[in-house]
Every structure is written in structure tokens, then in C-alpha cells.
mmCIF file of all heavy atoms, coordinates in Angstrom:
data_MODEL
# 
_entry.id   MODEL 
# 
loop_
_atom_site.group_PDB 
_atom_site.id 
_atom_site.type_symbol 
_atom_site.label_atom_id 
_atom_site.label_alt_id 
_atom_site.label_comp_id 
_atom_site.label_asym_id 
_atom_site.label_entity_id 
_atom_site.label_seq_id 
_atom_site.pdbx_PDB_ins_code 
_atom_site.Cartn_x 
_atom_site.Cartn_y 
_atom_site.Cartn_z 
_atom_site.occupancy 
_atom_site.B_iso_or_equiv 
_atom_site.pdbx_formal_charge 
_atom_site.auth_seq_id 
_atom_site.auth_comp_id 
_atom_site.auth_asym_id 
_atom_site.auth_atom_id 
_atom_site.pdbx_PDB_model_num 
ATOM 1   N N   . VAL A 1 1  ? 8.326  -17.454 6.866   1.00 0.00 ? 1  VAL A N   1 
ATOM 2   C CA  . VAL A 1 1  ? 8.926  -16.277 6.221   1.00 0.00 ? 1  VAL A CA  1 
ATOM 3   C C   . VAL A 1 1  ? 7.835  -15.449 5.540   1.00 0.00 ? 1  VAL A C   1 
ATOM 4   O O   . VAL A 1 1  ? 7.829  -14.218 5.626   1.00 0.00 ? 1  VAL A O   1 
ATOM 5   C CB  . VAL A 1 1  ? 10.021 -16.701 5.207   1.00 0.00 ? 1  VAL A CB  1 
ATOM 6   C CG1 . VAL A 1 1  ? 10.404 -15.561 4.294   1.00 0.00 ? 1  VAL A CG1 1 
ATOM 7   C CG2 . VAL A 1 1  ? 11.248 -17.209 5.953   1.00 0.00 ? 1  VAL A CG2 1 
ATOM 8   N N   . ARG A 1 2  ? 6.901  -16.116 4.886   1.00 0.00 ? 2  ARG A N   1 
ATOM 9   C CA  . ARG A 1 2  ? 5.806  -15.390 4.214   1.00 0.00 ? 2  ARG A CA  1 
ATOM 10  C C   . ARG A 1 2  ? 4.901  -14.693 5.235   1.00 0.00 ? 2  ARG A C   1 
ATOM 11  O O   . ARG A 1 2  ? 4.430  -13.585 4.987   1.00 0.00 ? 2  ARG A O   1 
ATOM 12  C CB  . ARG A 1 2  ? 5.022  -16.332 3.319   1.00 0.00 ? 2  ARG A CB  1 
ATOM 13  C CG  . ARG A 1 2  ? 5.830  -16.707 2.097   1.00 0.00 ? 2  ARG A CG  1 
ATOM 14  C CD  . ARG A 1 2  ? 5.009  -17.349 1.024   1.00 0.00 ? 2  ARG A CD  1 
ATOM 15  N NE  . ARG A 1 2  ? 5.849  -17.538 -0.162  1.00 0.00 ? 2  ARG A NE  1 
ATOM 16  C CZ  . ARG A 1 2  ? 5.914  -18.646 -0.850  1.00 0.00 ? 2  ARG A CZ  1 
ATOM 17  N NH1 . ARG A 1 2  ? 5.157  -19.678 -0.531  1.00 0.00 ? 2  ARG A NH1 1 
ATOM 18  N NH2 . ARG A 1 2  ? 6.704  -18.736 -1.902  1.00 0.00 ? 2  ARG A NH2 1 
ATOM 19  N N   . GLU A 1 3  ? 4.654  -15.342 6.370   1.00 0.00 ? 3  GLU A N   1 
ATOM 20  C CA  . GLU A 1 3  ? 3.858  -14.701 7.424   1.00 0.00 ? 3  GLU A CA  1 
ATOM 21  C C   . GLU A 1 3  ? 4.563  -13.450 7.948   1.00 0.00 ? 3  GLU A C   1 
ATOM 22  O O   . GLU A 1 3  ? 3.933  -12.407 8.154   1.00 0.00 ? 3  GLU A O   1 
ATOM 23  C CB  . GLU A 1 3  ? 3.633  -15.675 8.586   1.00 0.00 ? 3  GLU A CB  1 
ATOM 24  C CG  . GLU A 1 3  ? 2.681  -16.801 8.291   1.00 0.00 ? 3  GLU A CG  1 
ATOM 25  C CD  . GLU A 1 3  ? 2.661  -17.858 9.396   1.00 0.00 ? 3  GLU A CD  1 
ATOM 26  O OE1 . GLU A 1 3  ? 3.305  -17.653 10.463  1.00 0.00 ? 3  GLU A OE1 1 
ATOM 27  O OE2 . GLU A 1 3  ? 2.012  -18.896 9.199   1.00 0.00 ? 3  GLU A OE2 1 
ATOM 28  N N   . LEU A 1 4  ? 5.869  -13.569 8.171   1.00 0.00 ? 4  LEU A N   1 
ATOM 29  C CA  . LEU A 1 4  ? 6.638  -12.413 8.644   1.00 0.00 ? 4  LEU A CA  1 
ATOM 30  C C   . LEU A 1 4  ? 6.639  -11.293 7.604   1.00 0.00 ? 4  LEU A C   1 
ATOM 31  O O   . LEU A 1 4  ? 6.509  -10.118 7.945   1.00 0.00 ? 4  LEU A O   1 
ATOM 32  C CB  . LEU A 1 4  ? 8.073  -12.819 8.969   1.00 0.00 ? 4  LEU A CB  1 
ATOM 33  C CG  . LEU A 1 4  ? 8.271  -13.688 10.195  1.00 0.00 ? 4  LEU A CG  1 
ATOM 34  C CD1 . LEU A 1 4  ? 9.723  -14.145 10.295  1.00 0.00 ? 4  LEU A CD1 1 
ATOM 35  C CD2 . LEU A 1 4  ? 7.854  -12.945 11.448  1.00 0.00 ? 4  LEU A CD2 1 
ATOM 36  N N   . ALA A 1 5  ? 6.782  -11.677 6.320   1.00 0.00 ? 5  ALA A N   1 
ATOM 37  C CA  . ALA A 1 5  ? 6.774  -10.679 5.246   1.00 0.00 ? 5  ALA A CA  1 
ATOM 38  C C   . ALA A 1 5  ? 5.433  -9.958  5.211   1.00 0.00 ? 5  ALA A C   1 
ATOM 39  O O   . ALA A 1 5  ? 5.382  -8.737  5.003   1.00 0.00 ? 5  ALA A O   1 
ATOM 40  C CB  . ALA A 1 5  ? 7.064  -11.346 3.905   1.00 0.00 ? 5  ALA A CB  1 
ATOM 41  N N   . GLU A 1 6  ? 4.360  -10.692 5.428   1.00 0.00 ? 6  GLU A N   1 
ATOM 42  C CA  . GLU A 1 6  ? 3.031  -10.075 5.446   1.00 0.00 ? 6  GLU A CA  1 
ATOM 43  C C   . GLU A 1 6  ? 2.900  -9.102  6.613   1.00 0.00 ? 6  GLU A C   1 
ATOM 44  O O   . GLU A 1 6  ? 2.357  -8.011  6.472   1.00 0.00 ? 6  GLU A O   1 
ATOM 45  C CB  . GLU A 1 6  ? 1.961  -11.165 5.551   1.00 0.00 ? 6  GLU A CB  1 
ATOM 46  C CG  . GLU A 1 6  ? 0.557  -10.647 5.398   1.00 0.00 ? 6  GLU A CG  1 
ATOM 47  C CD  . GLU A 1 6  ? -0.463 -11.780 5.407   1.00 0.00 ? 6  GLU A CD  1 
ATOM 48  O OE1 . GLU A 1 6  ? -0.243 -12.776 4.706   1.00 0.00 ? 6  GLU A OE1 1 
ATOM 49  O OE2 . GLU A 1 6  ? -1.462 -11.638 6.140   1.00 0.00 ? 6  GLU A OE2 1 
ATOM 50  N N   . GLN A 1 7  ? 3.445  -9.475  7.785   1.00 0.00 ? 7  GLN A N   1 
ATOM 51  C CA  . GLN A 1 7  ? 3.422  -8.573  8.937   1.00 0.00 ? 7  GLN A CA  1 
ATOM 52  C C   . GLN A 1 7  ? 4.254  -7.323  8.665   1.00 0.00 ? 7  GLN A C   1 
ATOM 53  O O   . GLN A 1 7  ? 3.852  -6.222  9.044   1.00 0.00 ? 7  GLN A O   1 
ATOM 54  C CB  . GLN A 1 7  ? 3.934  -9.279  10.183  1.00 0.00 ? 7  GLN A CB  1 
ATOM 55  C CG  . GLN A 1 7  ? 2.946  -10.247 10.772  1.00 0.00 ? 7  GLN A CG  1 
ATOM 56  C CD  . GLN A 1 7  ? 3.482  -10.902 12.026  1.00 0.00 ? 7  GLN A CD  1 
ATOM 57  O OE1 . GLN A 1 7  ? 4.569  -11.474 12.016  1.00 0.00 ? 7  GLN A OE1 1 
ATOM 58  N NE2 . GLN A 1 7  ? 2.733  -10.817 13.095  1.00 0.00 ? 7  GLN A NE2 1 
ATOM 59  N N   . LEU A 1 8  ? 5.406  -7.485  8.034   1.00 0.00 ? 8  LEU A N   1 
ATOM 60  C CA  . LEU A 1 8  ? 6.233  -6.325  7.686   1.00 0.00 ? 8  LEU A CA  1 
ATOM 61  C C   . LEU A 1 8  ? 5.488  -5.402  6.737   1.00 0.00 ? 8  LEU A C   1 
ATOM 62  O O   . LEU A 1 8  ? 5.523  -4.177  6.874   1.00 0.00 ? 8  LEU A O   1 
ATOM 63  C CB  . LEU A 1 8  ? 7.555  -6.778  7.054   1.00 0.00 ? 8  LEU A CB  1 
ATOM 64  C CG  . LEU A 1 8  ? 8.560  -7.434  7.988   1.00 0.00 ? 8  LEU A CG  1 
ATOM 65  C CD1 . LEU A 1 8  ? 9.692  -8.067  7.191   1.00 0.00 ? 8  LEU A CD1 1 
ATOM 66  C CD2 . LEU A 1 8  ? 9.104  -6.421  8.980   1.00 0.00 ? 8  LEU A CD2 1 
ATOM 67  N N   . PHE A 1 9  ? 4.787  -5.988  5.776   1.00 0.00 ? 9  PHE A N   1 
ATOM 68  C CA  . PHE A 1 9  ? 4.015  -5.188  4.823   1.00 0.00 ? 9  PHE A CA  1 
ATOM 69  C C   . PHE A 1 9  ? 2.900  -4.440  5.547   1.00 0.00 ? 9  PHE A C   1 
ATOM 70  O O   . PHE A 1 9  ? 2.681  -3.250  5.301   1.00 0.00 ? 9  PHE A O   1 
ATOM 71  C CB  . PHE A 1 9  ? 3.430  -6.080  3.725   1.00 0.00 ? 9  PHE A CB  1 
ATOM 72  C CG  . PHE A 1 9  ? 2.641  -5.319  2.706   1.00 0.00 ? 9  PHE A CG  1 
ATOM 73  C CD1 . PHE A 1 9  ? 3.279  -4.565  1.741   1.00 0.00 ? 9  PHE A CD1 1 
ATOM 74  C CD2 . PHE A 1 9  ? 1.250  -5.346  2.721   1.00 0.00 ? 9  PHE A CD2 1 
ATOM 75  C CE1 . PHE A 1 9  ? 2.560  -3.853  0.801   1.00 0.00 ? 9  PHE A CE1 1 
ATOM 76  C CE2 . PHE A 1 9  ? 0.521  -4.630  1.785   1.00 0.00 ? 9  PHE A CE2 1 
ATOM 77  C CZ  . PHE A 1 9  ? 1.182  -3.885  0.828   1.00 0.00 ? 9  PHE A CZ  1 
ATOM 78  N N   . LYS A 1 10 ? 2.196  -5.123  6.467   1.00 0.00 ? 10 LYS A N   1 
ATOM 79  C CA  . LYS A 1 10 ? 1.120  -4.470  7.214   1.00 0.00 ? 10 LYS A CA  1 
ATOM 80  C C   . LYS A 1 10 ? 1.656  -3.350  8.095   1.00 0.00 ? 10 LYS A C   1 
ATOM 81  O O   . LYS A 1 10 ? 0.990  -2.333  8.285   1.00 0.00 ? 10 LYS A O   1 
ATOM 82  C CB  . LYS A 1 10 ? 0.371  -5.489  8.065   1.00 0.00 ? 10 LYS A CB  1 
ATOM 83  C CG  . LYS A 1 10 ? -0.568 -6.357  7.270   1.00 0.00 ? 10 LYS A CG  1 
ATOM 84  C CD  . LYS A 1 10 ? -1.278 -7.347  8.164   1.00 0.00 ? 10 LYS A CD  1 
ATOM 85  C CE  . LYS A 1 10 ? -2.144 -8.284  7.350   1.00 0.00 ? 10 LYS A CE  1 
ATOM 86  N NZ  . LYS A 1 10 ? -2.754 -9.326  8.196   1.00 0.00 ? 10 LYS A NZ  1 
ATOM 87  N N   . ASN A 1 11 ? 2.857  -3.531  8.654   1.00 0.00 ? 11 ASN A N   1 
ATOM 88  C CA  . ASN A 1 11 ? 3.448  -2.480  9.478   1.00 0.00 ? 11 ASN A CA  1 
ATOM 89  C C   . ASN A 1 11 ? 3.739  -1.228  8.657   1.00 0.00 ? 11 ASN A C   1 
ATOM 90  O O   . ASN A 1 11 ? 3.623  -0.116  9.154   1.00 0.00 ? 11 ASN A O   1 
ATOM 91  C CB  . ASN A 1 11 ? 4.744  -2.961  10.129  1.00 0.00 ? 11 ASN A CB  1 
ATOM 92  C CG  . ASN A 1 11 ? 4.490  -3.918  11.258  1.00 0.00 ? 11 ASN A CG  1 
ATOM 93  O OD1 . ASN A 1 11 ? 3.386  -4.054  11.748  1.00 0.00 ? 11 ASN A OD1 1 
ATOM 94  N ND2 . ASN A 1 11 ? 5.536  -4.609  11.674  1.00 0.00 ? 11 ASN A ND2 1 
ATOM 95  N N   . GLU A 1 12 ? 4.124  -1.415  7.412   1.00 0.00 ? 12 GLU A N   1 
ATOM 96  C CA  . GLU A 1 12 ? 4.447  -0.267  6.561   1.00 0.00 ? 12 GLU A CA  1 
ATOM 97  C C   . GLU A 1 12 ? 3.210  0.317   5.894   1.00 0.00 ? 12 GLU A C   1 
ATOM 98  O O   . GLU A 1 12 ? 3.217  1.474   5.508   1.00 0.00 ? 12 GLU A O   1 
ATOM 99  C CB  . GLU A 1 12 ? 5.470  -0.678  5.497   1.00 0.00 ? 12 GLU A CB  1 
ATOM 100 C CG  . GLU A 1 12 ? 6.821  -0.962  6.086   1.00 0.00 ? 12 GLU A CG  1 
ATOM 101 C CD  . GLU A 1 12 ? 7.827  -1.375  5.046   1.00 0.00 ? 12 GLU A CD  1 
ATOM 102 O OE1 . GLU A 1 12 ? 7.537  -1.267  3.843   1.00 0.00 ? 12 GLU A OE1 1 
ATOM 103 O OE2 . GLU A 1 12 ? 8.911  -1.821  5.444   1.00 0.00 ? 12 GLU A OE2 1 
ATOM 104 N N   . ASN A 1 13 ? 2.168  -0.483  5.724   1.00 0.00 ? 13 ASN A N   1 
ATOM 105 C CA  . ASN A 1 13 ? 0.936  -0.035  5.083   1.00 0.00 ? 13 ASN A CA  1 
ATOM 106 C C   . ASN A 1 13 ? -0.248 -0.361  5.981   1.00 0.00 ? 13 ASN A C   1 
ATOM 107 O O   . ASN A 1 13 ? -1.006 -1.287  5.696   1.00 0.00 ? 13 ASN A O   1 
ATOM 108 C CB  . ASN A 1 13 ? 0.754  -0.722  3.724   1.00 0.00 ? 13 ASN A CB  1 
ATOM 109 C CG  . ASN A 1 13 ? 1.922  -0.477  2.811   1.00 0.00 ? 13 ASN A CG  1 
ATOM 110 O OD1 . ASN A 1 13 ? 2.271  0.651   2.542   1.00 0.00 ? 13 ASN A OD1 1 
ATOM 111 N ND2 . ASN A 1 13 ? 2.555  -1.546  2.362   1.00 0.00 ? 13 ASN A ND2 1 
ATOM 112 N N   . PRO A 1 14 ? -0.421 0.388   7.082   1.00 0.00 ? 14 PRO A N   1 
ATOM 113 C CA  . PRO A 1 14 ? -1.481 0.031   8.028   1.00 0.00 ? 14 PRO A CA  1 
ATOM 114 C C   . PRO A 1 14 ? -2.896 0.204   7.479   1.00 0.00 ? 14 PRO A C   1 
ATOM 115 O O   . PRO A 1 14 ? -3.817 -0.418  7.948   1.00 0.00 ? 14 PRO A O   1 
ATOM 116 C CB  . PRO A 1 14 ? -1.229 0.970   9.204   1.00 0.00 ? 14 PRO A CB  1 
ATOM 117 C CG  . PRO A 1 14 ? -0.434 2.087   8.659   1.00 0.00 ? 14 PRO A CG  1 
ATOM 118 C CD  . PRO A 1 14 ? 0.338  1.543   7.499   1.00 0.00 ? 14 PRO A CD  1 
ATOM 119 N N   . ASN A 1 15 ? -3.075 1.051   6.477   1.00 0.00 ? 15 ASN A N   1 
ATOM 120 C CA  . ASN A 1 15 ? -4.401 1.279   5.897   1.00 0.00 ? 15 ASN A CA  1 
ATOM 121 C C   . ASN A 1 15 ? -4.373 0.960   4.410   1.00 0.00 ? 15 ASN A C   1 
ATOM 122 O O   . ASN A 1 15 ? -4.326 1.855   3.567   1.00 0.00 ? 15 ASN A O   1 
ATOM 123 C CB  . ASN A 1 15 ? -4.836 2.733   6.094   1.00 0.00 ? 15 ASN A CB  1 
ATOM 124 C CG  . ASN A 1 15 ? -4.955 3.088   7.553   1.00 0.00 ? 15 ASN A CG  1 
ATOM 125 O OD1 . ASN A 1 15 ? -5.423 2.299   8.347   1.00 0.00 ? 15 ASN A OD1 1 
ATOM 126 N ND2 . ASN A 1 15 ? -4.506 4.290   7.907   1.00 0.00 ? 15 ASN A ND2 1 
ATOM 127 N N   . PRO A 1 16 ? -4.413 -0.328  4.043   1.00 0.00 ? 16 PRO A N   1 
ATOM 128 C CA  . PRO A 1 16 ? -4.295 -0.685  2.624   1.00 0.00 ? 16 PRO A CA  1 
ATOM 129 C C   . PRO A 1 16 ? -5.496 -0.253  1.801   1.00 0.00 ? 16 PRO A C   1 
ATOM 130 O O   . PRO A 1 16 ? -5.397 -0.132  0.588   1.00 0.00 ? 16 PRO A O   1 
ATOM 131 C CB  . PRO A 1 16 ? -4.172 -2.210  2.643   1.00 0.00 ? 16 PRO A CB  1 
ATOM 132 C CG  . PRO A 1 16 ? -4.808 -2.624  3.920   1.00 0.00 ? 16 PRO A CG  1 
ATOM 133 C CD  . PRO A 1 16 ? -4.582 -1.492  4.888   1.00 0.00 ? 16 PRO A CD  1 
ATOM 134 N N   . HIS A 1 17 ? -6.635 0.003   2.453   1.00 0.00 ? 17 HIS A N   1 
ATOM 135 C CA  . HIS A 1 17 ? -7.819 0.400   1.696   1.00 0.00 ? 17 HIS A CA  1 
ATOM 136 C C   . HIS A 1 17 ? -7.721 1.835   1.168   1.00 0.00 ? 17 HIS A C   1 
ATOM 137 O O   . HIS A 1 17 ? -8.465 2.221   0.282   1.00 0.00 ? 17 HIS A O   1 
ATOM 138 C CB  . HIS A 1 17 ? -9.078 0.230   2.550   1.00 0.00 ? 17 HIS A CB  1 
ATOM 139 C CG  . HIS A 1 17 ? -9.074 1.085   3.777   1.00 0.00 ? 17 HIS A CG  1 
ATOM 140 N ND1 . HIS A 1 17 ? -8.403 0.708   4.913   1.00 0.00 ? 17 HIS A ND1 1 
ATOM 141 C CD2 . HIS A 1 17 ? -9.629 2.284   4.031   1.00 0.00 ? 17 HIS A CD2 1 
ATOM 142 C CE1 . HIS A 1 17 ? -8.559 1.653   5.830   1.00 0.00 ? 17 HIS A CE1 1 
ATOM 143 N NE2 . HIS A 1 17 ? -9.298 2.617   5.323   1.00 0.00 ? 17 HIS A NE2 1 
ATOM 144 N N   . ILE A 1 18 ? -6.815 2.625   1.734   1.00 0.00 ? 18 ILE A N   1 
ATOM 145 C CA  . ILE A 1 18 ? -6.627 3.989   1.236   1.00 0.00 ? 18 ILE A CA  1 
ATOM 146 C C   . ILE A 1 18 ? -5.698 3.921   0.033   1.00 0.00 ? 18 ILE A C   1 
ATOM 147 O O   . ILE A 1 18 ? -4.511 3.638   0.162   1.00 0.00 ? 18 ILE A O   1 
ATOM 148 C CB  . ILE A 1 18 ? -6.024 4.906   2.322   1.00 0.00 ? 18 ILE A CB  1 
ATOM 149 C CG1 . ILE A 1 18 ? -6.966 4.993   3.518   1.00 0.00 ? 18 ILE A CG1 1 
ATOM 150 C CG2 . ILE A 1 18 ? -5.728 6.278   1.756   1.00 0.00 ? 18 ILE A CG2 1 
ATOM 151 C CD1 . ILE A 1 18 ? -6.403 5.767   4.692   1.00 0.00 ? 18 ILE A CD1 1 
ATOM 152 N N   . ALA A 1 19 ? -6.254 4.164   -1.113  1.00 0.00 ? 19 ALA A N   1 
ATOM 153 C CA  . ALA A 1 19 ? -5.465 4.084   -2.344  1.00 0.00 ? 19 ALA A CA  1 
ATOM 154 C C   . ALA A 1 19 ? -5.048 5.492   -2.758  1.00 0.00 ? 19 ALA A C   1 
ATOM 155 O O   . ALA A 1 19 ? -5.822 6.440   -2.639  1.00 0.00 ? 19 ALA A O   1 
ATOM 156 C CB  . ALA A 1 19 ? -6.284 3.431   -3.450  1.00 0.00 ? 19 ALA A CB  1 
ATOM 157 N N   . PHE A 1 20 ? -3.846 5.585   -3.246  1.00 0.00 ? 20 PHE A N   1 
ATOM 158 C CA  . PHE A 1 20 ? -3.367 6.864   -3.729  1.00 0.00 ? 20 PHE A CA  1 
ATOM 159 C C   . PHE A 1 20 ? -3.757 6.995   -5.202  1.00 0.00 ? 20 PHE A C   1 
ATOM 160 O O   . PHE A 1 20 ? -3.389 6.158   -6.018  1.00 0.00 ? 20 PHE A O   1 
ATOM 161 C CB  . PHE A 1 20 ? -1.844 6.972   -3.581  1.00 0.00 ? 20 PHE A CB  1 
ATOM 162 C CG  . PHE A 1 20 ? -1.408 6.950   -2.154  1.00 0.00 ? 20 PHE A CG  1 
ATOM 163 C CD1 . PHE A 1 20 ? -0.906 5.793   -1.572  1.00 0.00 ? 20 PHE A CD1 1 
ATOM 164 C CD2 . PHE A 1 20 ? -1.525 8.081   -1.366  1.00 0.00 ? 20 PHE A CD2 1 
ATOM 165 C CE1 . PHE A 1 20 ? -0.514 5.771   -0.254  1.00 0.00 ? 20 PHE A CE1 1 
ATOM 166 C CE2 . PHE A 1 20 ? -1.141 8.069   -0.050  1.00 0.00 ? 20 PHE A CE2 1 
ATOM 167 C CZ  . PHE A 1 20 ? -0.632 6.915   0.512   1.00 0.00 ? 20 PHE A CZ  1 
ATOM 168 N N   . GLN A 1 21 ? -4.507 8.038   -5.487  1.00 0.00 ? 21 GLN A N   1 
ATOM 169 C CA  . GLN A 1 21 ? -4.933 8.240   -6.861  1.00 0.00 ? 21 GLN A CA  1 
ATOM 170 C C   . GLN A 1 21 ? -3.878 9.040   -7.601  1.00 0.00 ? 21 GLN A C   1 
ATOM 171 O O   . GLN A 1 21 ? -3.318 9.995   -7.074  1.00 0.00 ? 21 GLN A O   1 
ATOM 172 C CB  . GLN A 1 21 ? -6.261 8.984   -6.906  1.00 0.00 ? 21 GLN A CB  1 
ATOM 173 C CG  . GLN A 1 21 ? -7.393 8.184   -6.313  1.00 0.00 ? 21 GLN A CG  1 
ATOM 174 C CD  . GLN A 1 21 ? -8.708 8.945   -6.380  1.00 0.00 ? 21 GLN A CD  1 
ATOM 175 O OE1 . GLN A 1 21 ? -8.726 10.136  -6.620  1.00 0.00 ? 21 GLN A OE1 1 
ATOM 176 N NE2 . GLN A 1 21 ? -9.787 8.225   -6.159  1.00 0.00 ? 21 GLN A NE2 1 
ATOM 177 N N   . LYS A 1 22 ? -3.649 8.636   -8.821  1.00 0.00 ? 22 LYS A N   1 
ATOM 178 C CA  . LYS A 1 22 ? -2.699 9.367   -9.644  1.00 0.00 ? 22 LYS A CA  1 
ATOM 179 C C   . LYS A 1 22 ? -3.394 10.581  -10.245 1.00 0.00 ? 22 LYS A C   1 
ATOM 180 O O   . LYS A 1 22 ? -4.574 10.533  -10.581 1.00 0.00 ? 22 LYS A O   1 
ATOM 181 C CB  . LYS A 1 22 ? -2.172 8.479   -10.766 1.00 0.00 ? 22 LYS A CB  1 
ATOM 182 C CG  . LYS A 1 22 ? -1.292 7.367   -10.272 1.00 0.00 ? 22 LYS A CG  1 
ATOM 183 C CD  . LYS A 1 22 ? -0.723 6.607   -11.433 1.00 0.00 ? 22 LYS A CD  1 
ATOM 184 C CE  . LYS A 1 22 ? 0.222  5.524   -10.930 1.00 0.00 ? 22 LYS A CE  1 
ATOM 185 N NZ  . LYS A 1 22 ? 0.813  4.776   -12.017 1.00 0.00 ? 22 LYS A NZ  1 
ATOM 186 N N   . VAL A 1 23 ? -2.653 11.663  -10.375 1.00 0.00 ? 23 VAL A N   1 
ATOM 187 C CA  . VAL A 1 23 ? -3.193 12.856  -11.006 1.00 0.00 ? 23 VAL A CA  1 
ATOM 188 C C   . VAL A 1 23 ? -3.146 12.630  -12.505 1.00 0.00 ? 23 VAL A C   1 
ATOM 189 O O   . VAL A 1 23 ? -2.094 12.293  -13.054 1.00 0.00 ? 23 VAL A O   1 
ATOM 190 C CB  . VAL A 1 23 ? -2.361 14.102  -10.619 1.00 0.00 ? 23 VAL A CB  1 
ATOM 191 C CG1 . VAL A 1 23 ? -2.868 15.341  -11.321 1.00 0.00 ? 23 VAL A CG1 1 
ATOM 192 C CG2 . VAL A 1 23 ? -2.353 14.273  -9.116  1.00 0.00 ? 23 VAL A CG2 1 
ATOM 193 N N   . PRO A 1 24 ? -4.285 12.799  -13.180 1.00 0.00 ? 24 PRO A N   1 
ATOM 194 C CA  . PRO A 1 24 ? -4.281 12.543  -14.626 1.00 0.00 ? 24 PRO A CA  1 
ATOM 195 C C   . PRO A 1 24 ? -3.400 13.553  -15.369 1.00 0.00 ? 24 PRO A C   1 
ATOM 196 O O   . PRO A 1 24 ? -3.286 14.713  -14.970 1.00 0.00 ? 24 PRO A O   1 
ATOM 197 C CB  . PRO A 1 24 ? -5.748 12.681  -15.027 1.00 0.00 ? 24 PRO A CB  1 
ATOM 198 C CG  . PRO A 1 24 ? -6.397 13.427  -13.922 1.00 0.00 ? 24 PRO A CG  1 
ATOM 199 C CD  . PRO A 1 24 ? -5.586 13.201  -12.696 1.00 0.00 ? 24 PRO A CD  1 
ATOM 200 N N   . ARG A 1 25 ? -2.796 13.073  -16.416 1.00 0.00 ? 25 ARG A N   1 
ATOM 201 C CA  . ARG A 1 25 ? -1.956 13.924  -17.256 1.00 0.00 ? 25 ARG A CA  1 
ATOM 202 C C   . ARG A 1 25 ? -2.865 14.909  -17.997 1.00 0.00 ? 25 ARG A C   1 
ATOM 203 O O   . ARG A 1 25 ? -3.916 14.522  -18.498 1.00 0.00 ? 25 ARG A O   1 
ATOM 204 C CB  . ARG A 1 25 ? -1.196 13.047  -18.240 1.00 0.00 ? 25 ARG A CB  1 
ATOM 205 C CG  . ARG A 1 25 ? -0.361 13.843  -19.215 1.00 0.00 ? 25 ARG A CG  1 
ATOM 206 C CD  . ARG A 1 25 ? 0.553  12.966  -20.045 1.00 0.00 ? 25 ARG A CD  1 
ATOM 207 N NE  . ARG A 1 25 ? 1.884  13.298  -19.577 1.00 0.00 ? 25 ARG A NE  1 
ATOM 208 C CZ  . ARG A 1 25 ? 2.792  12.439  -19.173 1.00 0.00 ? 25 ARG A CZ  1 
ATOM 209 N NH1 . ARG A 1 25 ? 2.550  11.181  -19.208 1.00 0.00 ? 25 ARG A NH1 1 
ATOM 210 N NH2 . ARG A 1 25 ? 3.957  12.831  -18.745 1.00 0.00 ? 25 ARG A NH2 1 
ATOM 211 N N   . PRO A 1 26 ? -2.475 16.189  -18.067 1.00 0.00 ? 26 PRO A N   1 
ATOM 212 C CA  . PRO A 1 26 ? -3.312 17.165  -18.782 1.00 0.00 ? 26 PRO A CA  1 
ATOM 213 C C   . PRO A 1 26 ? -3.458 16.789  -20.266 1.00 0.00 ? 26 PRO A C   1 
ATOM 214 O O   . PRO A 1 26 ? -2.545 16.213  -20.859 1.00 0.00 ? 26 PRO A O   1 
ATOM 215 C CB  . PRO A 1 26 ? -2.559 18.478  -18.638 1.00 0.00 ? 26 PRO A CB  1 
ATOM 216 C CG  . PRO A 1 26 ? -1.420 18.228  -17.737 1.00 0.00 ? 26 PRO A CG  1 
ATOM 217 C CD  . PRO A 1 26 ? -1.279 16.772  -17.524 1.00 0.00 ? 26 PRO A CD  1 
ATOM 218 N N   . THR A 1 27 ? -4.592 17.105  -20.796 1.00 0.00 ? 27 THR A N   1 
ATOM 219 C CA  . THR A 1 27 ? -4.827 16.813  -22.209 1.00 0.00 ? 27 THR A CA  1 
ATOM 220 C C   . THR A 1 27 ? -3.945 17.691  -23.081 1.00 0.00 ? 27 THR A C   1 
ATOM 221 O O   . THR A 1 27 ? -3.475 18.747  -22.646 1.00 0.00 ? 27 THR A O   1 
ATOM 222 C CB  . THR A 1 27 ? -6.301 17.048  -22.586 1.00 0.00 ? 27 THR A CB  1 
ATOM 223 O OG1 . THR A 1 27 ? -6.622 18.409  -22.298 1.00 0.00 ? 27 THR A OG1 1 
ATOM 224 C CG2 . THR A 1 27 ? -7.214 16.129  -21.804 1.00 0.00 ? 27 THR A CG2 1 
# 
């Protein structure tokens, strides 16, 4: 089940190294 869950995660996130940066809140 954990192996399948990992495959499902990889299918949805094929490029895990690309991180989404948050836009900083204005001062």
C-alpha cells in the first residue's frame, strides 16, 4: 500500500525538485 501511495504521489508530482516559492507578505 505504501509503495502504491508513493507511485500515486509521483504521478501527481512528477518534478518534486521544483518548489513553489511563496510570495512574501509586503512590509
